[in-house]
C-alpha cells in the first residue's frame, strides 16, 4: 500500500466542526500504565464444543492514550471488552489496573473498580433501565462519585453542565424516560454520564454503529473532546479500520482471539505486516475505484 493512498473515512456531517486525528508525535509509552494484561485467555465450553474467544493476548494501555481494537465480528473484541470491564473472568492470564493485579473478587471491590472504568455500549436502547427517568440516571453518577449529600441546586447545576457538554438541555430532559429520546440523544446522554463520572478508562464498544450518519461525527468529536478535557484513556472497539487510523494513538488488530498486529496507526495501516491487516485495509471501499470483492469470504 502506497503511503500517498488514503484510508477513506470522512465525517458524514460536514456542518459540525470535527477534529479527527491523534497527536502522532506523542509517545504514550512514557505515561503511567493504567490497564495491562499478560496471557489473557477466555475459553467457552458448550457441550462437547470448546471455543477460544480470547487467546493469550498481551496489552499495555497508558494514561491519556486512545487505543483502537479492530477486528471483524467474531474476532473476540467484545469478549475481551467484557473481560476488561470485569463482566467476564479470564480463563487464564492476569490483568493489572494501575500497575497492581486487579482484584474484583467481591461486590464492593468490583464497584470500586467500576469507578475507574466505564463503558459506552453499541446499543443505546438496551443501555438504560426503562423504569428509571433521566434524572435518576444522572443522579446515580453524582452519587457514585461521592456527591450524594450535595445540595439539590448543586446537583442540578452538575447535571445541566454535563448535558450542555453533549449539546443537550437538561431542562428539556428532566422527568423524561430515556426511551423518549432518539438514538443519537441516548448516546449523547451516555457521554454525559461519563462526563459526571470522570473514570480513568472509558471503553467504547462500537458507540456509533446504531445511530444515523449525521450523528456519528458529532458523537466521536464529543468522545475525543472528553478525552482531551479529562485525560482519560479511551479503548475504542470497532470493525472500522479507517476510523481507527484517524482517531487512534495505538491500534491492535484482532483475529480469531489473537492480536496479530499492533503499533502506531501509521505503522500498522501504511506498512501492514499481517495478512489479516492487509485484507482489512483492502476491504475499505474507495469511491473512485472499482470495489475488489475477491477477498470477501462467501459461506
Protein backbone atom coordinates (compact mmCIF):
# COMPACT_ATOMS: atom_id res chain seq x y z
CA UNK A 1 0.00 0.00 0.00
CA UNK A 2 1.49 3.33 -1.03
CA UNK A 3 1.82 5.99 1.63
CA UNK A 4 0.01 8.54 -0.51
CA UNK A 5 -3.10 6.38 -0.63
CA UNK A 6 -5.60 7.42 2.00
CA UNK A 7 -7.89 5.23 4.03
CA UNK A 8 -11.23 6.72 3.15
CA UNK A 9 -13.10 7.91 6.23
CA UNK A 10 -14.77 11.31 6.27
CA UNK A 11 -17.12 12.83 8.84
CA UNK A 12 -20.62 12.41 7.44
CA UNK A 13 -21.97 15.66 8.86
CA UNK A 14 -19.90 18.45 7.38
CA UNK A 15 -21.87 21.05 9.32
CA UNK A 16 -20.08 20.03 12.52
CA UNK A 17 -16.53 21.18 13.27
CA UNK A 18 -14.90 17.83 13.89
CA UNK A 19 -11.22 17.40 14.64
CA UNK A 20 -10.23 13.83 13.87
CA UNK A 21 -6.75 12.51 14.39
CA UNK A 22 -4.44 11.85 17.29
CA UNK A 23 -1.19 13.51 18.26
CA UNK A 24 1.11 11.29 16.19
CA UNK A 25 4.22 12.74 17.86
CA UNK A 26 3.34 11.95 21.47
CA UNK A 27 4.99 8.89 23.00
CA UNK A 28 2.41 7.42 25.37
CA UNK A 29 4.80 4.67 26.48
CA UNK A 30 6.29 7.27 28.83
CA UNK A 31 2.90 7.79 30.51
CA UNK A 32 1.84 5.66 33.52
CA UNK A 33 0.22 2.31 32.77
CA UNK A 34 -3.47 2.30 33.60
CA UNK A 35 -4.50 -1.15 32.30
CA UNK A 36 -2.41 -4.07 31.11
CA UNK A 37 -2.72 -7.80 30.61
CA UNK A 38 -0.49 -10.85 30.26
CA UNK A 39 -1.65 -14.05 28.57
CA UNK A 40 -5.33 -13.12 28.90
CA UNK A 41 -7.46 -16.01 27.64
CA UNK A 42 -11.15 -16.85 27.67
CA UNK A 43 -12.46 -20.29 26.73
CA UNK A 44 -16.14 -21.19 26.40
CA UNK A 45 -17.40 -24.77 26.69
CA UNK A 46 -20.74 -25.69 25.13
CA UNK A 47 -21.39 -29.41 25.40
CA UNK A 48 -18.50 -31.06 23.58
CA UNK A 49 -17.58 -27.85 21.76
CA UNK A 50 -14.71 -25.67 23.00
CA UNK A 51 -14.33 -22.11 21.71
CA UNK A 52 -11.27 -19.99 22.46
CA UNK A 53 -12.72 -16.48 22.21
CA UNK A 54 -9.62 -14.66 23.51
CA UNK A 55 -6.30 -16.43 23.04
CA UNK A 56 -3.31 -15.39 25.22
CA UNK A 57 -3.32 -11.67 24.43
CA UNK A 58 -0.89 -9.16 25.94
CA UNK A 59 -1.51 -5.43 26.04
CA UNK A 60 -0.42 -2.20 27.71
CA UNK A 61 -2.73 0.83 27.77
CA UNK A 62 -1.32 4.11 29.07
CA UNK A 63 -2.87 7.17 30.70
CA UNK A 64 -4.49 9.51 28.17
CA UNK A 65 -3.97 7.11 25.26
CA UNK A 66 -6.67 6.37 22.68
CA UNK A 67 -6.47 2.73 21.67
CA UNK A 68 -8.48 1.04 18.92
CA UNK A 69 -9.04 -2.71 18.93
CA UNK A 70 -10.02 -3.62 15.38
CA UNK A 71 -11.45 -6.86 14.03
CA UNK A 72 -14.38 -8.46 12.27
CA UNK A 73 -17.44 -9.85 14.03
CA UNK A 74 -16.44 -12.95 15.96
CA UNK A 75 -12.80 -11.92 16.34
CA UNK A 76 -13.07 -11.72 20.14
CA UNK A 77 -13.23 -7.92 20.57
CA UNK A 78 -16.44 -7.84 22.61
CA UNK A 79 -15.41 -10.79 24.79
CA UNK A 80 -12.14 -9.00 25.57
CA UNK A 81 -14.03 -5.80 26.40
CA UNK A 82 -16.23 -7.71 28.87
CA UNK A 83 -13.10 -9.11 30.50
CA UNK A 84 -11.61 -5.63 30.78
CA UNK A 85 -14.84 -4.37 32.39
CA UNK A 86 -14.89 -7.24 34.87
CA UNK A 87 -18.11 -8.70 33.45
CA UNK A 88 -16.28 -11.92 32.50
CA UNK A 89 -13.39 -13.59 34.29
CA UNK A 90 -10.44 -14.71 32.14
CA UNK A 91 -9.86 -18.45 31.98
CA UNK A 92 -6.11 -17.80 32.09
CA UNK A 93 -3.80 -14.82 32.43
CA UNK A 94 -3.80 -11.76 34.61
CA UNK A 95 -5.00 -8.16 34.31
CA UNK A 96 -3.30 -5.24 36.05
CA UNK A 97 -5.04 -2.00 36.97
CA UNK A 98 -2.76 0.97 37.65
CA UNK A 99 0.20 -1.39 37.94
CA UNK A 100 -1.40 -3.71 40.52
CA UNK A 101 -3.09 -7.08 39.96
CA UNK A 102 -6.79 -6.42 39.52
CA UNK A 103 -8.93 -7.67 42.40
CA UNK A 104 -12.68 -7.78 41.77
CA UNK A 105 -13.34 -10.79 43.98
CA UNK A 106 -16.15 -9.12 45.95
CA UNK A 107 -19.07 -6.88 45.07
CA UNK A 108 -17.51 -3.94 46.92
CA UNK A 109 -14.18 -4.33 45.12
CA UNK A 110 -15.93 -4.62 41.77
CA UNK A 111 -17.90 -1.44 42.45
CA UNK A 112 -14.69 0.37 43.36
CA UNK A 113 -13.09 -0.88 40.13
CA UNK A 114 -16.04 0.44 38.13
CA UNK A 115 -15.36 3.92 39.47
CA UNK A 116 -12.17 3.78 37.41
CA UNK A 117 -13.51 2.13 34.25
CA UNK A 118 -16.82 2.77 32.49
CA UNK A 119 -18.31 1.86 29.11
CA UNK A 120 -20.46 3.15 26.28
CA UNK A 121 -22.12 0.25 24.50
CA UNK A 122 -23.18 -0.33 20.91
CA UNK A 123 -26.93 -0.38 21.51
CA UNK A 124 -28.17 2.76 23.31
CA UNK A 125 -31.68 1.32 23.62
CA UNK A 126 -30.53 -1.52 25.90
CA UNK A 127 -28.14 0.60 27.99
CA UNK A 128 -30.79 2.05 30.29
CA UNK A 129 -33.26 0.77 32.86
CA UNK A 130 -36.61 1.57 31.25
CA UNK A 131 -38.15 2.31 34.67
CA UNK A 132 -35.59 5.00 35.60
CA UNK A 133 -36.01 8.60 34.48
CA UNK A 134 -33.11 10.61 33.09
CA UNK A 135 -32.78 12.49 36.38
CA UNK A 136 -32.16 9.19 38.20
CA UNK A 137 -29.60 8.08 35.59
CA UNK A 138 -27.53 11.24 36.11
CA UNK A 139 -28.03 11.37 39.89
CA UNK A 140 -26.66 7.82 40.18
CA UNK A 141 -23.43 9.09 38.59
CA UNK A 142 -23.18 12.00 41.03
CA UNK A 143 -23.82 9.68 43.98
CA UNK A 144 -21.23 7.20 42.72
CA UNK A 145 -18.61 9.98 42.74
CA UNK A 146 -19.40 10.80 46.36
CA UNK A 147 -21.85 13.65 45.78
CA UNK A 148 -24.86 12.08 47.47
CA UNK A 149 -25.06 14.77 50.17
CA UNK A 150 -24.59 17.76 47.86
CA UNK A 151 -27.39 20.37 47.83
CA UNK A 152 -30.12 19.80 45.24
CA UNK A 153 -29.19 23.03 43.46
CA UNK A 154 -25.58 21.85 43.06
CA UNK A 155 -26.70 18.51 41.65
CA UNK A 156 -28.95 20.27 39.11
CA UNK A 157 -26.03 22.51 38.16
CA UNK A 158 -23.79 19.47 37.61
CA UNK A 159 -26.43 17.66 35.52
CA UNK A 160 -27.05 20.80 33.47
CA UNK A 161 -23.31 21.17 32.80
CA UNK A 162 -22.99 17.51 31.77
CA UNK A 163 -25.93 17.75 29.37
CA UNK A 164 -24.62 21.02 27.95
CA UNK A 165 -21.29 19.33 27.20
CA UNK A 166 -23.09 16.96 24.81
CA UNK A 167 -25.39 19.65 23.37
CA UNK A 168 -28.46 18.61 25.33
CA UNK A 169 -30.62 20.81 27.58
CA UNK A 170 -31.28 19.30 30.99
CA UNK A 171 -34.41 21.46 31.40
CA UNK A 172 -35.91 19.67 28.38
CA UNK A 173 -34.91 16.20 29.63
CA UNK A 174 -35.92 16.32 33.28
CA UNK A 175 -38.72 13.90 34.23
CA UNK A 176 -38.44 12.14 30.88
CA UNK A 177 -37.52 8.50 30.32
CA UNK A 178 -34.53 7.56 28.10
CA UNK A 179 -36.80 5.76 25.61
CA UNK A 180 -38.44 9.11 24.84
CA UNK A 181 -35.16 10.25 23.24
CA UNK A 182 -33.72 9.43 19.82
CA UNK A 183 -30.82 7.00 19.44
CA UNK A 184 -28.36 9.87 18.99
CA UNK A 185 -29.67 11.69 22.05
CA UNK A 186 -29.38 8.48 24.11
CA UNK A 187 -25.75 8.08 23.07
CA UNK A 188 -25.11 11.71 24.00
CA UNK A 189 -26.68 11.05 27.38
CA UNK A 190 -24.28 8.12 27.84
CA UNK A 191 -21.39 10.54 27.27
CA UNK A 192 -22.96 12.96 29.75
CA UNK A 193 -22.84 10.13 32.31
CA UNK A 194 -19.12 9.68 31.61
CA UNK A 195 -18.62 13.45 31.99
CA UNK A 196 -20.07 13.20 35.52
CA UNK A 197 -18.24 10.00 36.46
CA UNK A 198 -14.84 11.03 35.03
CA UNK A 199 -13.37 7.50 35.07
CA UNK A 200 -9.72 6.77 34.38
CA UNK A 201 -10.68 4.50 31.47
CA UNK A 202 -13.56 4.63 29.00
CA UNK A 203 -14.34 1.57 26.91
CA UNK A 204 -16.39 2.48 23.84
CA UNK A 205 -17.79 -0.61 22.11
CA UNK A 206 -18.95 0.42 18.61
CA UNK A 207 -20.64 3.54 20.07
CA UNK A 208 -21.69 4.95 16.68
CA UNK A 209 -22.79 1.85 14.76
CA UNK A 210 -26.51 2.11 15.60
CA UNK A 211 -27.06 5.83 15.11
CA UNK A 212 -27.68 7.82 11.96
CA UNK A 213 -24.80 9.00 9.82
CA UNK A 214 -25.36 12.67 10.67
CA UNK A 215 -24.76 11.98 14.38
CA UNK A 216 -21.65 9.79 14.13
CA UNK A 217 -19.10 12.54 13.61
CA UNK A 218 -20.67 14.56 16.42
CA UNK A 219 -20.56 11.65 18.88
CA UNK A 220 -16.93 10.88 18.01
CA UNK A 221 -15.96 14.52 18.41
CA UNK A 222 -17.57 14.57 21.88
CA UNK A 223 -15.62 11.46 22.91
CA UNK A 224 -12.35 12.99 21.72
CA UNK A 225 -13.11 16.29 23.49
CA UNK A 226 -13.90 14.36 26.68
CA UNK A 227 -10.56 12.55 26.43
CA UNK A 228 -8.73 15.84 25.91
CA UNK A 229 -10.52 17.56 28.83
CA UNK A 230 -10.17 14.80 31.43
CA UNK A 231 -7.03 12.93 30.30
CA UNK A 232 -8.83 9.59 30.45
CA UNK A 233 -7.71 6.55 28.49
CA UNK A 234 -10.16 5.55 25.75
CA UNK A 235 -10.37 1.99 24.41
CA UNK A 236 -12.32 2.03 21.16
CA UNK A 237 -13.75 -1.30 19.98
CA UNK A 238 -14.51 -1.19 16.26
CA UNK A 239 -14.57 -3.07 12.95
CA UNK A 240 -13.85 0.16 11.04
CA UNK A 241 -10.12 0.18 10.34
CA UNK A 242 -10.28 3.54 8.56
CA UNK A 243 -11.84 5.21 11.57
CA UNK A 244 -9.26 3.58 13.85
CA UNK A 245 -6.48 5.06 11.72
CA UNK A 246 -7.78 8.61 12.10
CA UNK A 247 -8.61 8.70 15.82
CA UNK A 248 -6.08 6.39 17.49
CA UNK A 249 -2.74 6.68 19.21
CA UNK A 250 -2.31 2.89 19.13
CA UNK A 251 -4.04 0.17 17.12
CA UNK A 252 -4.44 -3.53 17.94
CA UNK A 253 -5.63 -5.84 15.13
CA UNK A 254 -7.55 -8.87 16.42
CA UNK A 255 -8.21 -12.11 14.53
CA UNK A 256 -9.60 -15.34 16.00
CA UNK A 257 -8.99 -14.13 19.55
CA UNK A 258 -5.36 -13.07 19.00
CA UNK A 259 -3.61 -9.76 18.42
CA UNK A 260 -1.96 -10.37 15.06
CA UNK A 261 -0.51 -6.86 14.81
CA UNK A 262 -0.22 -3.75 16.95
CA UNK A 263 1.55 -0.40 16.99
CA UNK A 264 1.19 3.21 15.97
CA UNK A 265 -1.53 3.85 13.36
CA UNK A 266 0.94 4.85 10.64
CA UNK A 267 2.99 1.69 11.21
CA UNK A 268 0.01 -0.66 11.19
CA UNK A 269 -2.02 0.93 8.39
CA UNK A 270 0.66 2.14 5.98
CA UNK A 271 3.11 -0.74 6.35
CA UNK A 272 0.95 -3.69 7.48
CA UNK A 273 2.73 -6.99 8.09
CA UNK A 274 -0.05 -9.44 8.96
CA UNK A 275 -2.08 -10.81 6.02
CA UNK A 276 -5.28 -10.20 8.01
CA UNK A 277 -4.43 -6.50 8.42
CA UNK A 278 -3.73 -6.21 4.69
CA UNK A 279 -7.11 -7.77 3.94
CA UNK A 280 -8.95 -5.42 6.29
CA UNK A 281 -7.32 -2.44 4.59
CA UNK A 282 -8.07 -3.75 1.10
CA UNK A 283 -11.72 -4.21 2.10
CA UNK A 284 -12.18 -0.47 2.77
CA UNK A 285 -14.34 0.75 -0.16
CA UNK A 286 -12.92 3.56 -2.29
CA UNK A 287 -15.45 5.66 -4.17
CA UNK A 288 -13.12 6.46 -7.07
CA UNK A 289 -12.10 2.83 -7.71
CA UNK A 290 -13.98 -0.38 -8.64
CA UNK A 291 -14.60 -2.42 -5.49
CA UNK A 292 -12.44 -5.52 -5.15
CA UNK A 293 -14.65 -8.26 -3.72
CA UNK A 294 -12.10 -11.03 -4.22
CA UNK A 295 -11.21 -11.07 -0.51
CA UNK A 296 -14.83 -11.49 0.63
CA UNK A 297 -15.46 -14.93 2.08
CA UNK A 298 -18.80 -16.40 0.98
CA UNK A 299 -20.05 -19.08 3.37
